[in-house]
Amino acid sequence: MSLKKHFPVLVEQDIDGVFIVRCPVFQGCRSYGETIDEALHNIQEVIELCLEEQNLEEPANTFIGIRDIELAV
Protein backbone atom coordinates (compact mmCIF):
# COMPACT_ATOMS: atom_id res chain seq x y z
CA MET A 1 0.00 0.00 0.00
CA SER A 2 1.41 3.41 -0.92
CA LEU A 3 1.13 6.43 1.34
CA LYS A 4 -0.67 9.43 -0.15
CA LYS A 5 0.16 13.00 0.77
CA HIS A 6 -1.47 16.26 -0.25
CA PHE A 7 0.59 19.16 -1.59
CA PRO A 8 -0.68 22.74 -1.93
CA VAL A 9 -0.37 24.39 -5.33
CA LEU A 10 -0.89 28.01 -6.28
CA VAL A 11 -2.42 28.72 -9.69
CA GLU A 12 -2.01 32.01 -11.56
CA GLN A 13 -2.73 33.08 -15.11
CA ASP A 14 -0.32 35.34 -16.98
CA ILE A 15 -1.17 38.09 -19.44
CA ASP A 16 -1.00 35.61 -22.36
CA GLY A 17 -3.52 33.25 -20.72
CA VAL A 18 -0.94 30.62 -19.69
CA PHE A 19 -1.59 28.98 -16.32
CA ILE A 20 1.40 29.03 -13.97
CA VAL A 21 1.42 26.69 -10.99
CA ARG A 22 3.83 26.31 -8.13
CA CYS A 23 4.12 24.21 -5.02
CA PRO A 24 5.40 26.34 -2.12
CA VAL A 25 6.58 23.26 -0.23
CA PHE A 26 9.60 22.98 -2.54
CA GLN A 27 11.84 25.86 -3.58
CA GLY A 28 11.67 26.40 -7.35
CA CYS A 29 8.86 23.86 -7.85
CA ARG A 30 6.82 25.36 -10.67
CA SER A 31 5.37 24.55 -14.05
CA TYR A 32 2.78 25.82 -16.51
CA GLY A 33 0.19 24.78 -19.06
CA GLU A 34 -2.17 26.11 -21.68
CA THR A 35 -5.11 24.83 -19.56
CA ILE A 36 -5.52 24.40 -15.81
CA ASP A 37 -5.69 20.62 -16.26
CA GLU A 38 -2.44 20.61 -18.23
CA ALA A 39 -0.76 22.84 -15.65
CA LEU A 40 -1.89 20.61 -12.77
CA HIS A 41 -0.69 17.50 -14.58
CA ASN A 42 2.68 19.15 -15.19
CA ILE A 43 3.12 20.30 -11.58
CA GLN A 44 2.33 16.78 -10.38
CA GLU A 45 5.31 15.51 -12.37
CA VAL A 46 7.53 18.28 -10.99
CA ILE A 47 6.45 17.52 -7.40
CA GLU A 48 7.36 13.87 -7.96
CA LEU A 49 10.83 14.96 -9.12
CA CYS A 50 11.18 17.25 -6.10
CA LEU A 51 10.25 14.36 -3.80
CA GLU A 52 12.97 12.20 -5.38
CA GLU A 53 15.54 14.97 -4.89
CA GLN A 54 14.35 15.63 -1.33
CA ASN A 55 15.48 12.17 -0.33
CA LEU A 56 19.01 13.27 -1.22
CA GLU A 57 18.95 16.82 0.14
CA GLU A 58 17.41 18.96 2.88
CA PRO A 59 13.80 18.44 4.01
CA ALA A 60 10.98 20.33 2.31
CA ASN A 61 9.46 23.50 3.77
CA THR A 62 6.28 23.22 5.79
CA PHE A 63 3.33 24.91 4.10
CA ILE A 64 1.46 27.04 6.62
CA GLY A 65 -1.20 28.76 4.53
CA ILE A 66 -2.07 31.73 2.37
CA ARG A 67 -2.90 35.14 3.75
CA ASP A 68 -4.52 38.11 2.09
CA ILE A 69 -2.92 41.49 2.75
CA GLU A 70 -4.80 44.71 1.98
CA LEU A 71 -2.81 47.72 0.77
CA ALA A 72 -3.90 51.14 -0.42
CA VAL A 73 -2.77 51.53 -4.04
PDB file of N, CA and C in Angstrom:
ATOM      1  N   MET A   1       0.845  -1.171   0.000  1.00  0.00           N
ATOM      2  CA  MET A   1       0.000   0.000   0.000  1.00  0.00           C
ATOM      3  C   MET A   1       0.897   1.244   0.000  1.00  0.00           C
ATOM      4  N   SER A   2       0.595   2.200  -0.866  1.00  0.00           N
ATOM      5  CA  SER A   2       1.407   3.408  -0.921  1.00  0.00           C
ATOM      6  C   SER A   2       0.749   4.509  -0.089  1.00  0.00           C
ATOM      7  N   LEU A   3       1.584   5.297   0.546  1.00  0.00           N
ATOM      8  CA  LEU A   3       1.134   6.430   1.342  1.00  0.00           C
ATOM      9  C   LEU A   3       0.812   7.590   0.418  1.00  0.00           C
ATOM     10  N   LYS A   4      -0.305   8.265   0.651  1.00  0.00           N
ATOM     11  CA  LYS A   4      -0.672   9.426  -0.154  1.00  0.00           C
ATOM     12  C   LYS A   4      -0.519  10.669   0.697  1.00  0.00           C
ATOM     13  N   LYS A   5      -0.031  11.742   0.087  1.00  0.00           N
ATOM     14  CA  LYS A   5       0.161  13.003   0.773  1.00  0.00           C
ATOM     15  C   LYS A   5      -0.355  14.118  -0.113  1.00  0.00           C
ATOM     16  N   HIS A   6      -0.956  15.111   0.485  1.00  0.00           N
ATOM     17  CA  HIS A   6      -1.474  16.260  -0.247  1.00  0.00           C
ATOM     18  C   HIS A   6      -0.427  17.364  -0.288  1.00  0.00           C
ATOM     19  N   PHE A   7      -0.333  18.054  -1.426  1.00  0.00           N
ATOM     20  CA  PHE A   7       0.588  19.165  -1.589  1.00  0.00           C
ATOM     21  C   PHE A   7      -0.187  20.378  -2.089  1.00  0.00           C
ATOM     22  N   PRO A   8      -0.001  21.534  -1.458  1.00  0.00           N
ATOM     23  CA  PRO A   8      -0.685  22.737  -1.928  1.00  0.00           C
ATOM     24  C   PRO A   8      -0.055  23.229  -3.221  1.00  0.00           C
ATOM     25  N   VAL A   9      -0.878  23.751  -4.119  1.00  0.00           N
ATOM     26  CA  VAL A   9      -0.369  24.387  -5.331  1.00  0.00           C
ATOM     27  C   VAL A   9      -1.086  25.718  -5.510  1.00  0.00           C
ATOM     28  N   LEU A  10      -0.345  26.692  -5.980  1.00  0.00           N
ATOM     29  CA  LEU A  10      -0.892  28.010  -6.280  1.00  0.00           C
ATOM     30  C   LEU A  10      -1.022  28.126  -7.790  1.00  0.00           C
ATOM     31  N   VAL A  11      -2.157  28.613  -8.249  1.00  0.00           N
ATOM     32  CA  VAL A  11      -2.423  28.719  -9.689  1.00  0.00           C
ATOM     33  C   VAL A  11      -2.611  30.199 -10.042  1.00  0.00           C
ATOM     34  N   GLU A  12      -1.889  30.639 -11.049  1.00  0.00           N
ATOM     35  CA  GLU A  12      -2.012  32.006 -11.558  1.00  0.00           C
ATOM     36  C   GLU A  12      -2.165  31.939 -13.075  1.00  0.00           C
ATOM     37  N   GLN A  13      -2.630  33.013 -13.652  1.00  0.00           N
ATOM     38  CA  GLN A  13      -2.725  33.084 -15.112  1.00  0.00           C
ATOM     39  C   GLN A  13      -2.003  34.346 -15.567  1.00  0.00           C
ATOM     40  N   ASP A  14      -1.076  34.184 -16.516  1.00  0.00           N
ATOM     41  CA  ASP A  14      -0.319  35.343 -16.981  1.00  0.00           C
ATOM     42  C   ASP A  14      -1.089  36.115 -18.039  1.00  0.00           C
ATOM     43  N   ILE A  15      -0.515  37.188 -18.488  1.00  0.00           N
ATOM     44  CA  ILE A  15      -1.169  38.086 -19.438  1.00  0.00           C
ATOM     45  C   ILE A  15      -1.508  37.406 -20.771  1.00  0.00           C
ATOM     46  N   ASP A  16      -0.760  36.353 -21.112  1.00  0.00           N
ATOM     47  CA  ASP A  16      -1.001  35.613 -22.357  1.00  0.00           C
ATOM     48  C   ASP A  16      -1.993  34.470 -22.184  1.00  0.00           C
ATOM     49  N   GLY A  17      -2.541  34.302 -20.969  1.00  0.00           N
ATOM     50  CA  GLY A  17      -3.518  33.249 -20.721  1.00  0.00           C
ATOM     51  C   GLY A  17      -2.916  31.924 -20.293  1.00  0.00           C
ATOM     52  N   VAL A  18      -1.597  31.858 -20.125  1.00  0.00           N
ATOM     53  CA  VAL A  18      -0.939  30.621 -19.693  1.00  0.00           C
ATOM     54  C   VAL A  18      -1.118  30.473 -18.182  1.00  0.00           C
ATOM     55  N   PHE A  19      -1.423  29.255 -17.734  1.00  0.00           N
ATOM     56  CA  PHE A  19      -1.591  28.980 -16.316  1.00  0.00           C
ATOM     57  C   PHE A  19      -0.247  28.580 -15.715  1.00  0.00           C
ATOM     58  N   ILE A  20       0.138  29.282 -14.664  1.00  0.00           N
ATOM     59  CA  ILE A  20       1.399  29.033 -13.975  1.00  0.00           C
ATOM     60  C   ILE A  20       1.053  28.449 -12.612  1.00  0.00           C
ATOM     61  N   VAL A  21       1.677  27.334 -12.278  1.00  0.00           N
ATOM     62  CA  VAL A  21       1.418  26.686 -10.992  1.00  0.00           C
ATOM     63  C   VAL A  21       2.732  26.481 -10.259  1.00  0.00           C
ATOM     64  N   ARG A  22       2.644  26.582  -8.927  1.00  0.00           N
ATOM     65  CA  ARG A  22       3.831  26.306  -8.129  1.00  0.00           C
ATOM     66  C   ARG A  22       3.423  25.657  -6.827  1.00  0.00           C
ATOM     67  N   CYS A  23       4.331  24.881  -6.299  1.00  0.00           N
ATOM     68  CA  CYS A  23       4.121  24.213  -5.022  1.00  0.00           C
ATOM     69  C   CYS A  23       5.077  24.856  -4.015  1.00  0.00           C
ATOM     70  N   PRO A  24       4.542  25.624  -3.044  1.00  0.00           N
ATOM     71  CA  PRO A  24       5.399  26.344  -2.116  1.00  0.00           C
ATOM     72  C   PRO A  24       6.160  25.452  -1.135  1.00  0.00           C
ATOM     73  N   VAL A  25       5.872  24.177  -1.120  1.00  0.00           N
ATOM     74  CA  VAL A  25       6.579  23.265  -0.227  1.00  0.00           C
ATOM     75  C   VAL A  25       8.027  23.070  -0.678  1.00  0.00           C
ATOM     76  N   PHE A  26       8.263  23.185  -1.980  1.00  0.00           N
ATOM     77  CA  PHE A  26       9.600  22.978  -2.541  1.00  0.00           C
ATOM     78  C   PHE A  26      10.076  24.255  -3.235  1.00  0.00           C
ATOM     79  N   GLN A  27      11.285  24.665  -2.947  1.00  0.00           N
ATOM     80  CA  GLN A  27      11.842  25.856  -3.584  1.00  0.00           C
ATOM     81  C   GLN A  27      12.017  25.597  -5.081  1.00  0.00           C
ATOM     82  N   GLY A  28      11.521  26.513  -5.903  1.00  0.00           N
ATOM     83  CA  GLY A  28      11.673  26.401  -7.348  1.00  0.00           C
ATOM     84  C   GLY A  28      10.765  25.391  -8.015  1.00  0.00           C
ATOM     85  N   CYS A  29       9.770  24.877  -7.305  1.00  0.00           N
ATOM     86  CA  CYS A  29       8.865  23.864  -7.851  1.00  0.00           C
ATOM     87  C   CYS A  29       7.722  24.561  -8.568  1.00  0.00           C
ATOM     88  N   ARG A  30       7.850  24.687  -9.886  1.00  0.00           N
ATOM     89  CA  ARG A  30       6.822  25.364 -10.671  1.00  0.00           C
ATOM     90  C   ARG A  30       6.727  24.780 -12.060  1.00  0.00           C
ATOM     91  N   SER A  31       5.584  25.006 -12.679  1.00  0.00           N
ATOM     92  CA  SER A  31       5.365  24.551 -14.045  1.00  0.00           C
ATOM     93  C   SER A  31       4.266  25.412 -14.650  1.00  0.00           C
ATOM     94  N   TYR A  32       3.817  25.048 -15.832  1.00  0.00           N
ATOM     95  CA  TYR A  32       2.784  25.824 -16.508  1.00  0.00           C
ATOM     96  C   TYR A  32       2.040  24.940 -17.490  1.00  0.00           C
ATOM     97  N   GLY A  33       0.959  25.484 -18.049  1.00  0.00           N
ATOM     98  CA  GLY A  33       0.189  24.776 -19.065  1.00  0.00           C
ATOM     99  C   GLY A  33      -0.769  25.714 -19.749  1.00  0.00           C
ATOM    100  N   GLU A  34      -1.214  25.313 -20.916  1.00  0.00           N
ATOM    101  CA  GLU A  34      -2.174  26.109 -21.678  1.00  0.00           C
ATOM    102  C   GLU A  34      -3.569  26.046 -21.048  1.00  0.00           C
ATOM    103  N   THR A  35      -3.853  24.971 -20.290  1.00  0.00           N
ATOM    104  CA  THR A  35      -5.108  24.832 -19.558  1.00  0.00           C
ATOM    105  C   THR A  35      -4.771  24.543 -18.095  1.00  0.00           C
ATOM    106  N   ILE A  36      -5.753  24.723 -17.222  1.00  0.00           N
ATOM    107  CA  ILE A  36      -5.516  24.402 -15.812  1.00  0.00           C
ATOM    108  C   ILE A  36      -5.201  22.929 -15.654  1.00  0.00           C
ATOM    109  N   ASP A  37      -5.938  22.068 -16.361  1.00  0.00           N
ATOM    110  CA  ASP A  37      -5.693  20.624 -16.255  1.00  0.00           C
ATOM    111  C   ASP A  37      -4.272  20.268 -16.677  1.00  0.00           C
ATOM    112  N   GLU A  38      -3.803  20.872 -17.770  1.00  0.00           N
ATOM    113  CA  GLU A  38      -2.437  20.612 -18.229  1.00  0.00           C
ATOM    114  C   GLU A  38      -1.422  21.107 -17.200  1.00  0.00           C
ATOM    115  N   ALA A  39      -1.670  22.286 -16.645  1.00  0.00           N
ATOM    116  CA  ALA A  39      -0.757  22.844 -15.651  1.00  0.00           C
ATOM    117  C   ALA A  39      -0.707  21.961 -14.403  1.00  0.00           C
ATOM    118  N   LEU A  40      -1.855  21.469 -13.958  1.00  0.00           N
ATOM    119  CA  LEU A  40      -1.895  20.608 -12.766  1.00  0.00           C
ATOM    120  C   LEU A  40      -1.211  19.270 -13.032  1.00  0.00           C
ATOM    121  N   HIS A  41      -1.381  18.733 -14.223  1.00  0.00           N
ATOM    122  CA  HIS A  41      -0.688  17.495 -14.582  1.00  0.00           C
ATOM    123  C   HIS A  41       0.826  17.721 -14.560  1.00  0.00           C
ATOM    124  N   ASN A  42       1.249  18.849 -15.132  1.00  0.00           N
ATOM    125  CA  ASN A  42       2.679  19.149 -15.193  1.00  0.00           C
ATOM    126  C   ASN A  42       3.283  19.361 -13.808  1.00  0.00           C
ATOM    127  N   ILE A  43       2.555  20.064 -12.912  1.00  0.00           N
ATOM    128  CA  ILE A  43       3.118  20.301 -11.577  1.00  0.00           C
ATOM    129  C   ILE A  43       3.184  19.002 -10.787  1.00  0.00           C
ATOM    130  N   GLN A  44       2.280  18.083 -11.054  1.00  0.00           N
ATOM    131  CA  GLN A  44       2.332  16.782 -10.376  1.00  0.00           C
ATOM    132  C   GLN A  44       3.645  16.074 -10.708  1.00  0.00           C
ATOM    133  N   GLU A  45       4.047  16.126 -11.973  1.00  0.00           N
ATOM    134  CA  GLU A  45       5.313  15.507 -12.375  1.00  0.00           C
ATOM    135  C   GLU A  45       6.501  16.199 -11.711  1.00  0.00           C
ATOM    136  N   VAL A  46       6.434  17.530 -11.612  1.00  0.00           N
ATOM    137  CA  VAL A  46       7.527  18.284 -10.993  1.00  0.00           C
ATOM    138  C   VAL A  46       7.604  17.973  -9.496  1.00  0.00           C
ATOM    139  N   ILE A  47       6.453  17.871  -8.831  1.00  0.00           N
ATOM    140  CA  ILE A  47       6.449  17.524  -7.402  1.00  0.00           C
ATOM    141  C   ILE A  47       7.074  16.151  -7.198  1.00  0.00           C
ATOM    142  N   GLU A  48       6.759  15.198  -8.071  1.00  0.00           N
ATOM    143  CA  GLU A  48       7.359  13.865  -7.956  1.00  0.00           C
ATOM    144  C   GLU A  48       8.878  13.942  -8.073  1.00  0.00           C
ATOM    145  N   LEU A  49       9.385  14.773  -8.984  1.00  0.00           N
ATOM    146  CA  LEU A  49      10.832  14.960  -9.117  1.00  0.00           C
ATOM    147  C   LEU A  49      11.418  15.612  -7.871  1.00  0.00           C
ATOM    148  N   CYS A  50      10.707  16.602  -7.323  1.00  0.00           N
ATOM    149  CA  CYS A  50      11.176  17.253  -6.100  1.00  0.00           C
ATOM    150  C   CYS A  50      11.228  16.265  -4.941  1.00  0.00           C
ATOM    151  N   LEU A  51      10.253  15.378  -4.864  1.00  0.00           N
ATOM    152  CA  LEU A  51      10.252  14.362  -3.802  1.00  0.00           C
ATOM    153  C   LEU A  51      11.450  13.424  -3.934  1.00  0.00           C
ATOM    154  N   GLU A  52      11.800  13.060  -5.166  1.00  0.00           N
ATOM    155  CA  GLU A  52      12.971  12.204  -5.384  1.00  0.00           C
ATOM    156  C   GLU A  52      14.239  12.918  -4.941  1.00  0.00           C
ATOM    157  N   GLU A  53      14.370  14.197  -5.283  1.00  0.00           N
ATOM    158  CA  GLU A  53      15.542  14.966  -4.894  1.00  0.00           C
ATOM    159  C   GLU A  53      15.584  15.226  -3.397  1.00  0.00           C
ATOM    160  N   GLN A  54      14.416  15.367  -2.772  1.00  0.00           N
ATOM    161  CA  GLN A  54      14.350  15.629  -1.333  1.00  0.00           C
ATOM    162  C   GLN A  54      15.009  14.510  -0.547  1.00  0.00           C
ATOM    163  N   ASN A  55      14.884  13.292  -1.033  1.00  0.00           N
ATOM    164  CA  ASN A  55      15.484  12.167  -0.325  1.00  0.00           C
ATOM    165  C   ASN A  55      17.001  12.296  -0.271  1.00  0.00           C
ATOM    166  N   LEU A  56      17.572  13.101  -1.174  1.00  0.00           N
ATOM    167  CA  LEU A  56      19.014  13.268  -1.218  1.00  0.00           C
ATOM    168  C   LEU A  56      19.476  14.557  -0.560  1.00  0.00           C
ATOM    169  N   GLU A  57      18.570  15.499  -0.342  1.00  0.00           N
ATOM    170  CA  GLU A  57      18.946  16.815   0.143  1.00  0.00           C
ATOM    171  C   GLU A  57      18.179  17.168   1.415  1.00  0.00           C
ATOM    172  N   GLU A  58      18.066  18.460   1.681  1.00  0.00           N
ATOM    173  CA  GLU A  58      17.405  18.957   2.878  1.00  0.00           C
ATOM    174  C   GLU A  58      15.906  18.695   2.829  1.00  0.00           C
ATOM    175  N   PRO A  59      15.249  18.668   3.994  1.00  0.00           N
ATOM    176  CA  PRO A  59      13.801  18.442   4.014  1.00  0.00           C
ATOM    177  C   PRO A  59      13.044  19.610   3.394  1.00  0.00           C
ATOM    178  N   ALA A  60      11.828  19.324   2.944  1.00  0.00           N
ATOM    179  CA  ALA A  60      10.982  20.334   2.315  1.00  0.00           C
ATOM    180  C   ALA A  60      10.491  21.338   3.354  1.00  0.00           C
ATOM    181  N   ASN A  61      10.079  22.509   2.890  1.00  0.00           N
ATOM    182  CA  ASN A  61       9.458  23.504   3.765  1.00  0.00           C
ATOM    183  C   ASN A  61       8.110  22.982   4.233  1.00  0.00           C
ATOM    184  N   THR A  62       7.615  23.540   5.306  1.00  0.00           N
ATOM    185  CA  THR A  62       6.282  23.218   5.786  1.00  0.00           C
ATOM    186  C   THR A  62       5.326  24.310   5.332  1.00  0.00           C
ATOM    187  N   PHE A  63       4.312  23.941   4.577  1.00  0.00           N
ATOM    188  CA  PHE A  63       3.328  24.915   4.096  1.00  0.00           C
ATOM    189  C   PHE A  63       2.412  25.282   5.248  1.00  0.00           C
ATOM    190  N   ILE A  64       2.287  26.569   5.521  1.00  0.00           N
ATOM    191  CA  ILE A  64       1.458  27.040   6.624  1.00  0.00           C
ATOM    192  C   ILE A  64       0.100  27.521   6.124  1.00  0.00           C
ATOM    193  N   GLY A  65       0.067  28.264   5.049  1.00  0.00           N
ATOM    194  CA  GLY A  65      -1.198  28.764   4.531  1.00  0.00           C
ATOM    195  C   GLY A  65      -0.996  29.986   3.674  1.00  0.00           C
ATOM    196  N   ILE A  66      -2.086  30.532   3.207  1.00  0.00           N
ATOM    197  CA  ILE A  66      -2.074  31.727   2.374  1.00  0.00           C
ATOM    198  C   ILE A  66      -2.812  32.816   3.117  1.00  0.00           C
ATOM    199  N   ARG A  67      -2.257  33.991   3.109  1.00  0.00           N
ATOM    200  CA  ARG A  67      -2.895  35.145   3.747  1.00  0.00           C
ATOM    201  C   ARG A  67      -3.172  36.211   2.699  1.00  0.00           C
ATOM    202  N   ASP A  68      -4.166  36.997   2.942  1.00  0.00           N
ATOM    203  CA  ASP A  68      -4.522  38.112   2.088  1.00  0.00           C
ATOM    204  C   ASP A  68      -4.123  39.393   2.812  1.00  0.00           C
ATOM    205  N   ILE A  69      -3.352  40.240   2.149  1.00  0.00           N
ATOM    206  CA  ILE A  69      -2.918  41.490   2.745  1.00  0.00           C
ATOM    207  C   ILE A  69      -3.521  42.640   1.947  1.00  0.00           C
ATOM    208  N   GLU A  70      -4.160  43.572   2.629  1.00  0.00           N
ATOM    209  CA  GLU A  70      -4.798  44.706   1.978  1.00  0.00           C
ATOM    210  C   GLU A  70      -3.860  45.905   2.025  1.00  0.00           C
ATOM    211  N   LEU A  71      -3.646  46.536   0.868  1.00  0.00           N
ATOM    212  CA  LEU A  71      -2.813  47.722   0.768  1.00  0.00           C
ATOM    213  C   LEU A  71      -3.563  48.791  -0.006  1.00  0.00           C
ATOM    214  N   ALA A  72      -3.343  50.031   0.350  1.00  0.00           N
ATOM    215  CA  ALA A  72      -3.897  51.137  -0.423  1.00  0.00           C
ATOM    216  C   ALA A  72      -2.996  51.348  -1.637  1.00  0.00           C
ATOM    217  N   VAL A  73      -3.576  51.341  -2.822  1.00  0.00           N
ATOM    218  CA  VAL A  73      -2.769  51.532  -4.040  1.00  0.00           C
ATOM    219  C   VAL A  73      -3.329  52.654  -4.875  1.00  0.00           C
TER     220      VAL A  73
END
